[in-house]
Amino acid sequence: MILQDTNILTERELKKLKDHQYSSSCSSLLDPLMQKYWNWFVTLVPLWVAPNLITIVGLAINISTSLVLVWYCPTATERAPWWTTLSCALGLFIYQTLDAIDGKQARRTKTSSPLGELFDHGCDSLSTVFVSVASACAVRLGLYPGWMLFQCLCASTLFYCAHWQTYVSGTLTFGTIDVTEGQIVVMLVMLTSSVESFFNLDIWTSSVFLDLSPVNLYMTVGMLIGGFHLARTIPACLSGAGSGKNGSTVAGTSVLSPASPLFLLVVPACVIAYKSDQNIYHSHPIMYVLLFGLIAAKITNRLVVAHMCKGEISHRDAAMVAPLLLIINQYFNTFLPETFLLYISMIWVTVDLIWYCSKVCLEICNYLDVSLFTIPYTLTQPTGNGANSQNGNPAQSGGPVTRGRKKHSRN
């Protein structure tokens, strides 16, 4: 429960976490091309910069630019100023770059740890929420509320299912069209919206072929790609071919165990939106999808922790109190204003998410004896003619100094 004094992770889970090894497979189309840029860019980062600091700076930029766009599009039906969508595209590009080099920086500085992988995935879960909302604002998807709800829930669901598959197989799998391709598509969407606003055009709603507008094409392609990924991922999650005993998950639990949190997210989100007498979703679409997006981020983080700690999935979560309150209120004929409950739920879920992530990170930092946003680093002045440094003597060369413990792959 939120703000509890007891530890979230047990001693056994922390030991399993320490022994965790990152495993992934990638068949992305664009990753090999982007790797050349990322490998060059990481060389520009000073060795004293912690990998997690790189990640959190990228996330802060990504969220900030998205919130600015949301400020100008409170219902996702307004045409945003050109510079807001341009800044969103730039913010997402910066986040993509920094998210890609944090693991490389960890290997450069020899400060890899399981905490880095966990922190990276946690930031990704939040970025997914804000990027999906920002892209909905960019194309004015609020004019199509059903599609907007589908897009935002689908984005969180796809991310959750990717880690569900990882919890089952032990390996994070990236498909041919995956995160990198999706982010680049969103950047192009943002740039298109920026051009539309700057030149006062009507791009997204204009008919281009057989009365098919670009926004219709955007929704259709998004639905097809989302459906394809779900059709590929969910059978893999339920196949019973897990890496645990008798085809179970890495924790030895049923492959179906991660299904209930996802079910308790998606079903209430749809029911509350379309059973509301006060049109809670249609009146506050951004706040509504952000609420359920943050709940999705919370349950995804718990799933990632369960995978890395080889632990069971808990079916009780404080964040689920929010949709429960909204459903109970509707059942009793909305005796409380739904807008009031929506804001209270948003505060509750945000505090719960921040508290959970902070507490988990602190527990891991204490156990592994590492810092979250700093790394051990000393800079010594070379003596004499620098011969010792040139001969590779680490005692005379500036660079990171790490504690003598076993290193883990970050990502």
Protein backbone atom coordinates (compact mmCIF):
# COMPACT_ATOMS: atom_id res chain seq x y z
CA MET A 1 0.00 0.00 0.00
CA ILE A 2 1.07 3.56 -0.64
CA LEU A 3 3.44 5.18 1.89
CA GLN A 4 3.94 1.93 3.80
CA ASP A 5 7.08 1.64 5.92
CA THR A 6 7.93 -1.95 5.03
CA ASN A 7 10.26 -2.74 2.14
CA ILE A 8 8.74 -3.48 -1.25
CA LEU A 9 11.45 -5.95 -2.24
CA THR A 10 12.35 -8.95 -0.11
CA GLU A 11 15.89 -10.11 0.58
CA ARG A 12 15.39 -13.02 -1.83
CA GLU A 13 14.19 -10.70 -4.61
CA LEU A 14 17.16 -8.37 -4.11
CA LYS A 15 19.55 -11.31 -4.39
CA LYS A 16 17.86 -12.43 -7.60
CA LEU A 17 18.04 -8.88 -8.90
CA LYS A 18 21.77 -8.72 -8.24
CA ASP A 19 22.28 -11.87 -10.32
CA HIS A 20 20.02 -10.68 -13.14
CA GLN A 21 21.52 -10.61 -16.62
CA TYR A 22 19.99 -8.52 -19.40
CA SER A 23 18.91 -10.51 -22.46
CA SER A 24 17.41 -9.14 -25.66
CA SER A 25 16.98 -9.87 -29.34
CA CYS A 26 16.44 -7.22 -32.00
CA SER A 27 15.41 -7.40 -35.65
CA SER A 28 14.55 -3.71 -36.00
CA LEU A 29 14.84 -2.17 -39.44
CA LEU A 30 16.25 1.18 -38.34
CA ASP A 31 18.25 0.26 -35.25
CA PRO A 32 21.38 -0.75 -37.21
CA LEU A 33 21.38 2.63 -38.96
CA MET A 34 20.75 4.59 -35.77
CA GLN A 35 23.47 2.69 -33.91
CA LYS A 36 26.14 4.53 -35.93
CA TYR A 37 24.79 7.86 -34.73
CA TRP A 38 24.32 6.67 -31.14
CA ASN A 39 27.85 5.19 -30.97
CA TRP A 40 29.24 8.54 -32.11
CA PHE A 41 27.07 10.65 -29.83
CA VAL A 42 27.98 8.77 -26.65
CA THR A 43 31.63 9.71 -27.17
CA LEU A 44 30.62 13.35 -26.63
CA VAL A 45 29.35 12.61 -23.11
CA PRO A 46 31.88 13.17 -20.30
CA LEU A 47 32.88 10.06 -18.37
CA TRP A 48 31.71 11.55 -15.08
CA VAL A 49 28.06 11.68 -16.25
CA ALA A 50 26.00 8.87 -14.73
CA PRO A 51 23.92 6.74 -17.15
CA ASN A 52 20.74 7.19 -15.13
CA LEU A 53 21.24 10.95 -15.20
CA ILE A 54 21.27 10.77 -19.01
CA THR A 55 18.01 8.80 -18.94
CA ILE A 56 16.16 11.11 -16.55
CA VAL A 57 17.25 14.26 -18.41
CA GLY A 58 15.88 12.81 -21.64
CA LEU A 59 12.61 11.87 -19.94
CA ALA A 60 12.26 15.33 -18.39
CA ILE A 61 12.70 16.96 -21.80
CA ASN A 62 10.24 14.55 -23.39
CA ILE A 63 7.57 15.09 -20.73
CA SER A 64 8.07 18.87 -20.64
CA THR A 65 7.62 19.33 -24.38
CA SER A 66 4.57 17.04 -24.31
CA LEU A 67 2.96 18.98 -21.47
CA VAL A 68 3.48 22.26 -23.32
CA LEU A 69 1.61 20.80 -26.29
CA VAL A 70 -1.14 19.52 -23.99
CA TRP A 71 -1.44 23.00 -22.46
CA TYR A 72 -2.31 24.42 -25.87
CA CYS A 73 -4.57 21.44 -26.74
CA PRO A 74 -6.55 20.73 -23.54
CA THR A 75 -9.14 18.64 -25.38
CA ALA A 76 -6.95 17.43 -28.28
CA THR A 77 -9.28 19.21 -30.72
CA GLU A 78 -7.40 22.52 -30.95
CA ARG A 79 -4.74 23.40 -33.51
CA ALA A 80 -1.54 23.86 -31.54
CA PRO A 81 1.03 26.56 -32.32
CA TRP A 82 3.65 25.33 -34.76
CA TRP A 83 6.49 25.61 -32.27
CA THR A 84 4.81 23.29 -29.75
CA THR A 85 4.69 20.33 -32.12
CA LEU A 86 8.17 21.17 -33.41
CA SER A 87 9.50 21.15 -29.84
CA CYS A 88 7.72 17.83 -29.24
CA ALA A 89 9.46 16.29 -32.23
CA LEU A 90 12.80 17.63 -31.02
CA GLY A 91 12.09 16.51 -27.45
CA LEU A 92 11.27 12.99 -28.58
CA PHE A 93 14.42 12.86 -30.72
CA ILE A 94 16.51 13.95 -27.74
CA TYR A 95 14.83 11.36 -25.54
CA GLN A 96 15.39 8.62 -28.13
CA THR A 97 19.07 9.55 -28.37
CA LEU A 98 19.69 9.76 -24.63
CA ASP A 99 17.68 6.59 -23.99
CA ALA A 100 19.82 4.75 -26.55
CA ILE A 101 23.17 5.87 -25.16
CA ASP A 102 22.58 5.40 -21.43
CA GLY A 103 23.54 1.73 -21.64
CA LYS A 104 26.55 2.58 -23.79
CA GLN A 105 27.63 5.14 -21.21
CA ALA A 106 27.28 2.52 -18.47
CA ARG A 107 29.60 0.20 -20.36
CA ARG A 108 32.06 3.03 -21.08
CA THR A 109 32.27 3.92 -17.40
CA LYS A 110 32.07 0.30 -16.18
CA THR A 111 29.11 1.17 -13.96
CA SER A 112 26.56 -1.25 -15.36
CA SER A 113 24.05 -2.60 -12.85
CA PRO A 114 20.54 -4.07 -12.82
CA LEU A 115 19.34 -0.73 -11.47
CA GLY A 116 20.18 0.85 -14.82
CA GLU A 117 18.00 -1.57 -16.77
CA LEU A 118 15.12 -1.13 -14.35
CA PHE A 119 15.42 2.66 -14.41
CA ASP A 120 15.54 2.66 -18.21
CA HIS A 121 12.38 0.59 -18.57
CA GLY A 122 10.60 2.70 -15.95
CA CYS A 123 11.34 5.89 -17.88
CA ASP A 124 10.23 4.22 -21.10
CA SER A 125 6.88 3.35 -19.54
CA LEU A 126 6.29 7.02 -18.68
CA SER A 127 7.50 8.25 -22.05
CA THR A 128 5.05 5.91 -23.78
CA VAL A 129 2.15 7.60 -21.97
CA PHE A 130 3.13 11.18 -22.78
CA VAL A 131 4.18 10.47 -26.37
CA SER A 132 0.84 8.81 -27.14
CA VAL A 133 -1.07 11.75 -25.63
CA ALA A 134 1.08 14.32 -27.44
CA SER A 135 0.65 12.59 -30.80
CA ALA A 136 -3.12 12.54 -30.23
CA CYS A 137 -3.01 16.31 -29.69
CA ALA A 138 -0.85 16.82 -32.78
CA VAL A 139 -3.43 15.26 -35.12
CA ARG A 140 -6.43 16.58 -33.12
CA LEU A 141 -7.56 13.08 -32.30
CA GLY A 142 -9.96 14.50 -29.74
CA LEU A 143 -12.34 14.96 -32.66
CA TYR A 144 -12.46 11.15 -32.72
CA PRO A 145 -12.68 10.31 -28.99
CA GLY A 146 -13.03 6.57 -29.50
CA TRP A 147 -9.86 6.42 -31.56
CA MET A 148 -8.02 8.59 -29.07
CA LEU A 149 -8.87 6.26 -26.21
CA PHE A 150 -7.90 3.28 -28.36
CA GLN A 151 -4.53 4.79 -29.28
CA CYS A 152 -3.54 5.69 -25.74
CA LEU A 153 -4.67 2.37 -24.25
CA CYS A 154 -3.11 0.45 -27.13
CA ALA A 155 0.28 2.14 -26.63
CA SER A 156 0.36 1.22 -22.94
CA THR A 157 -0.95 -2.27 -23.66
CA LEU A 158 1.73 -2.95 -26.27
CA PHE A 159 4.45 -1.84 -23.89
CA TYR A 160 3.01 -3.97 -21.09
CA CYS A 161 2.71 -7.02 -23.34
CA ALA A 162 6.33 -6.66 -24.46
CA HIS A 163 7.41 -7.00 -20.85
CA TRP A 164 4.85 -9.72 -20.25
CA GLN A 165 6.59 -11.71 -22.97
CA THR A 166 9.93 -10.91 -21.32
CA TYR A 167 8.58 -12.14 -17.98
CA VAL A 168 7.67 -15.40 -19.67
CA SER A 169 10.70 -15.98 -21.91
CA GLY A 170 13.41 -14.06 -20.06
CA THR A 171 14.36 -12.18 -23.24
CA LEU A 172 13.16 -8.74 -24.34
CA THR A 173 12.26 -9.04 -28.02
CA PHE A 174 12.24 -6.14 -30.49
CA GLY A 175 10.42 -6.77 -33.74
CA THR A 176 11.03 -5.52 -37.26
CA ILE A 177 8.82 -2.48 -36.66
CA ASP A 178 9.18 -1.57 -33.02
CA VAL A 179 10.11 1.26 -30.68
CA THR A 180 12.64 3.06 -32.88
CA GLU A 181 10.40 2.99 -35.94
CA GLY A 182 7.39 4.10 -33.90
CA GLN A 183 9.25 7.03 -32.40
CA ILE A 184 10.42 8.19 -35.83
CA VAL A 185 6.84 7.99 -37.15
CA VAL A 186 5.65 10.14 -34.23
CA MET A 187 8.40 12.67 -34.97
CA LEU A 188 7.23 12.88 -38.58
CA VAL A 189 3.65 13.34 -37.39
CA MET A 190 4.76 16.19 -35.13
CA LEU A 191 6.71 17.84 -37.94
CA THR A 192 3.72 17.54 -40.27
CA SER A 193 1.49 19.22 -37.69
CA SER A 194 4.09 21.95 -37.24
CA VAL A 195 4.13 22.64 -40.99
CA GLU A 196 0.32 22.61 -41.05
CA SER A 197 0.11 25.20 -38.29
CA PHE A 198 2.97 27.39 -39.55
CA PHE A 199 1.55 27.74 -43.06
CA ASN A 200 -2.09 27.64 -41.89
CA LEU A 201 -2.87 24.56 -43.99
CA ASP A 202 -5.43 21.82 -43.51
CA ILE A 203 -3.38 18.67 -43.87
CA TRP A 204 -4.82 16.14 -41.45
CA THR A 205 -8.51 16.53 -42.32
CA SER A 206 -8.21 17.11 -46.07
CA SER A 207 -9.27 14.35 -48.44
CA VAL A 208 -6.44 12.88 -50.49
CA PHE A 209 -7.85 9.70 -51.99
CA LEU A 210 -11.41 8.31 -52.03
CA ASP A 211 -12.36 10.68 -49.18
CA LEU A 212 -9.59 9.17 -47.07
CA SER A 213 -7.92 11.91 -45.04
CA PRO A 214 -4.40 11.69 -43.57
CA VAL A 215 -5.85 11.42 -40.06
CA ASN A 216 -7.95 8.44 -41.18
CA LEU A 217 -4.83 6.91 -42.69
CA TYR A 218 -2.95 7.60 -39.45
CA MET A 219 -5.63 5.81 -37.40
CA THR A 220 -5.88 2.88 -39.83
CA VAL A 221 -2.14 2.28 -39.98
CA GLY A 222 -1.88 2.63 -36.21
CA MET A 223 -4.64 0.08 -35.70
CA LEU A 224 -3.04 -2.38 -38.13
CA ILE A 225 0.41 -2.10 -36.56
CA GLY A 226 -1.01 -2.33 -33.05
CA GLY A 227 -3.13 -5.33 -33.98
CA PHE A 228 -0.16 -7.02 -35.62
CA HIS A 229 2.00 -6.60 -32.52
CA LEU A 230 -0.74 -7.85 -30.21
CA ALA A 231 -1.37 -10.83 -32.48
CA ARG A 232 2.33 -11.66 -32.30
CA THR A 233 2.99 -10.93 -28.63
CA ILE A 234 -0.04 -12.30 -26.78
CA PRO A 235 0.20 -15.84 -28.24
CA ALA A 236 3.88 -15.83 -27.30
CA CYS A 237 2.90 -14.88 -23.76
CA LEU A 238 0.29 -17.62 -23.51
CA SER A 239 2.13 -20.37 -25.38
CA GLY A 240 3.35 -22.10 -22.23
CA ALA A 241 6.89 -22.08 -23.61
CA GLY A 242 8.29 -20.01 -20.78
CA SER A 243 11.85 -20.23 -19.50
CA GLY A 244 10.72 -21.46 -16.08
CA LYS A 245 9.90 -24.96 -14.92
CA ASN A 246 7.29 -26.74 -17.05
CA GLY A 247 7.00 -23.77 -19.39
CA SER A 248 6.24 -21.27 -16.62
CA THR A 249 7.54 -17.71 -16.26
CA VAL A 250 11.04 -16.82 -15.07
CA ALA A 251 9.59 -16.77 -11.55
CA GLY A 252 8.04 -20.23 -11.93
CA THR A 253 4.51 -18.80 -11.97
CA SER A 254 1.70 -19.20 -14.46
CA VAL A 255 2.13 -17.41 -17.79
CA LEU A 256 -1.40 -16.06 -17.25
CA SER A 257 -0.50 -14.24 -14.02
CA PRO A 258 0.31 -10.87 -15.70
CA ALA A 259 -3.07 -10.85 -17.48
CA SER A 260 -5.21 -9.68 -14.56
CA PRO A 261 -3.55 -6.25 -14.02
CA LEU A 262 -3.91 -5.51 -17.73
CA PHE A 263 -7.54 -6.64 -17.71
CA LEU A 264 -8.26 -4.45 -14.66
CA LEU A 265 -6.80 -1.50 -16.54
CA VAL A 266 -8.33 -1.77 -20.01
CA VAL A 267 -11.87 -2.90 -19.16
CA PRO A 268 -12.61 -0.23 -16.50
CA ALA A 269 -11.09 2.46 -18.75
CA CYS A 270 -13.58 1.62 -21.53
CA VAL A 271 -16.56 1.05 -19.23
CA ILE A 272 -16.12 4.24 -17.22
CA ALA A 273 -15.64 6.32 -20.37
CA TYR A 274 -18.82 5.19 -22.10
CA LYS A 275 -21.09 4.56 -19.10
CA SER A 276 -20.59 7.99 -17.61
CA ASP A 277 -23.71 10.13 -17.18
CA GLN A 278 -21.52 13.20 -16.85
CA ASN A 279 -19.36 12.38 -19.92
CA ILE A 280 -16.22 12.30 -17.84
CA TYR A 281 -14.00 11.11 -20.68
CA HIS A 282 -15.46 13.31 -23.41
CA SER A 283 -15.28 16.38 -21.15
CA HIS A 284 -11.72 15.75 -19.94
CA PRO A 285 -10.10 13.44 -22.51
CA ILE A 286 -6.47 14.39 -21.78
CA MET A 287 -6.80 14.03 -18.02
CA TYR A 288 -8.65 10.75 -18.46
CA VAL A 289 -6.10 9.06 -20.74
CA LEU A 290 -3.24 10.40 -18.61
CA LEU A 291 -4.82 8.84 -15.53
CA PHE A 292 -5.06 5.39 -17.05
CA GLY A 293 -1.69 5.84 -18.74
CA LEU A 294 -0.03 6.42 -15.38
CA ILE A 295 -1.80 3.37 -13.95
CA ALA A 296 -0.44 1.40 -16.91
CA ALA A 297 3.05 2.73 -16.18
CA LYS A 298 2.72 1.59 -12.56
CA ILE A 299 1.66 -1.98 -13.36
CA THR A 300 4.32 -2.19 -16.08
CA ASN A 301 6.99 -1.14 -13.61
CA ARG A 302 5.80 -3.82 -11.21
CA LEU A 303 6.00 -6.37 -14.03
CA VAL A 304 9.56 -5.32 -14.87
CA VAL A 305 10.55 -5.58 -11.20
CA ALA A 306 8.94 -9.04 -11.00
CA HIS A 307 10.89 -10.18 -14.06
CA MET A 308 14.24 -8.90 -12.84
CA CYS A 309 13.70 -10.15 -9.28
CA LYS A 310 12.19 -13.50 -10.36
CA GLY A 311 9.17 -12.66 -8.22
CA GLU A 312 5.43 -13.20 -8.41
CA ILE A 313 3.01 -10.65 -9.83
CA SER A 314 0.90 -9.02 -7.15
CA HIS A 315 -2.76 -8.69 -8.09
CA ARG A 316 -3.35 -5.89 -5.60
CA ASP A 317 -2.18 -2.40 -6.44
CA ALA A 318 -2.92 0.91 -4.78
CA ALA A 319 -3.26 2.60 -8.17
CA MET A 320 -6.30 0.44 -8.95
CA VAL A 321 -8.21 2.29 -6.24
CA ALA A 322 -8.76 5.12 -8.72
CA PRO A 323 -10.80 3.22 -11.34
CA LEU A 324 -12.54 1.36 -8.52
CA LEU A 325 -13.76 4.64 -7.04
CA LEU A 326 -14.98 5.85 -10.42
CA ILE A 327 -16.87 2.59 -11.06
CA ILE A 328 -18.45 2.57 -7.59
CA ASN A 329 -19.49 6.19 -8.04
CA GLN A 330 -21.18 5.35 -11.33
CA TYR A 331 -22.88 2.34 -9.77
CA PHE A 332 -24.46 4.60 -7.15
CA ASN A 333 -25.69 7.08 -9.76
CA THR A 334 -22.69 9.40 -9.49
CA PHE A 335 -23.40 10.75 -6.02
CA LEU A 336 -20.05 12.58 -6.28
CA PRO A 337 -19.11 14.80 -9.24
CA GLU A 338 -16.99 12.71 -11.59
CA THR A 339 -14.71 15.63 -12.41
CA PHE A 340 -13.84 15.92 -8.71
CA LEU A 341 -13.10 12.20 -8.50
CA LEU A 342 -11.03 12.37 -11.68
CA TYR A 343 -8.74 15.03 -10.20
CA ILE A 344 -8.50 13.20 -6.86
CA SER A 345 -7.68 9.98 -8.73
CA MET A 346 -5.01 11.75 -10.76
CA ILE A 347 -3.31 13.05 -7.62
CA TRP A 348 -3.54 9.65 -5.94
CA VAL A 349 -2.09 7.73 -8.90
CA THR A 350 0.70 10.25 -9.45
CA VAL A 351 1.78 10.19 -5.79
CA ASP A 352 1.56 6.40 -5.71
CA LEU A 353 3.67 6.02 -8.85
CA ILE A 354 6.35 8.45 -7.66
CA TRP A 355 6.45 6.82 -4.23
CA TYR A 356 6.71 3.30 -5.62
CA CYS A 357 9.45 4.11 -8.14
CA SER A 358 11.44 6.13 -5.61
CA LYS A 359 11.23 3.46 -2.93
CA VAL A 360 12.21 0.63 -5.27
CA CYS A 361 15.19 2.60 -6.58
CA LEU A 362 16.37 3.48 -3.07
CA GLU A 363 16.08 -0.11 -1.89
CA ILE A 364 18.14 -1.33 -4.84
CA CYS A 365 20.70 1.46 -4.40
CA ASN A 366 21.16 0.53 -0.75
CA TYR A 367 21.48 -3.17 -1.51
CA LEU A 368 23.90 -2.81 -4.43
CA ASP A 369 25.75 0.08 -2.77
CA VAL A 370 25.38 2.34 -5.79
CA SER A 371 24.12 5.88 -6.34
CA LEU A 372 21.22 6.62 -8.62
CA PHE A 373 22.41 9.77 -10.41
CA THR A 374 26.15 9.82 -9.70
CA ILE A 375 29.02 7.43 -10.39
CA PRO A 376 32.43 7.08 -8.73
CA TYR A 377 34.90 9.21 -10.65
CA THR A 378 38.33 10.62 -9.92
CA LEU A 379 40.46 12.82 -12.13
CA THR A 380 44.18 12.65 -11.39
CA GLN A 381 46.84 14.86 -12.89
CA PRO A 382 49.50 12.97 -14.90
CA THR A 383 53.03 13.22 -13.50
CA GLY A 384 56.30 13.60 -15.38
CA ASN A 385 55.96 13.22 -19.12
CA GLY A 386 52.81 11.17 -18.83
CA ALA A 387 54.51 7.94 -19.76
CA ASN A 388 52.59 5.95 -17.19
CA SER A 389 49.30 7.20 -18.59
CA GLN A 390 50.35 6.46 -22.14
CA ASN A 391 51.37 2.95 -21.16
CA GLY A 392 47.89 2.35 -19.81
CA ASN A 393 48.63 2.59 -16.08
CA PRO A 394 45.15 3.10 -14.59
CA ALA A 395 46.59 4.75 -11.52
CA GLN A 396 47.76 7.70 -13.59
CA SER A 397 44.89 8.05 -16.04
CA GLY A 398 41.71 10.02 -15.49
CA GLY A 399 38.50 8.06 -15.68
CA PRO A 400 35.82 6.32 -13.70
CA VAL A 401 36.71 4.35 -10.63
CA THR A 402 34.20 1.65 -9.79
CA ARG A 403 33.70 -0.44 -6.72
CA GLY A 404 35.05 -3.96 -6.78
CA ARG A 405 31.80 -5.85 -7.37
CA LYS A 406 30.46 -8.01 -10.13
CA LYS A 407 29.24 -6.05 -13.14
CA HIS A 408 25.92 -6.60 -14.81
CA SER A 409 24.77 -5.81 -18.32
CA ARG A 410 22.60 -2.73 -18.43
CA ASN A 411 21.03 -2.97 -21.82
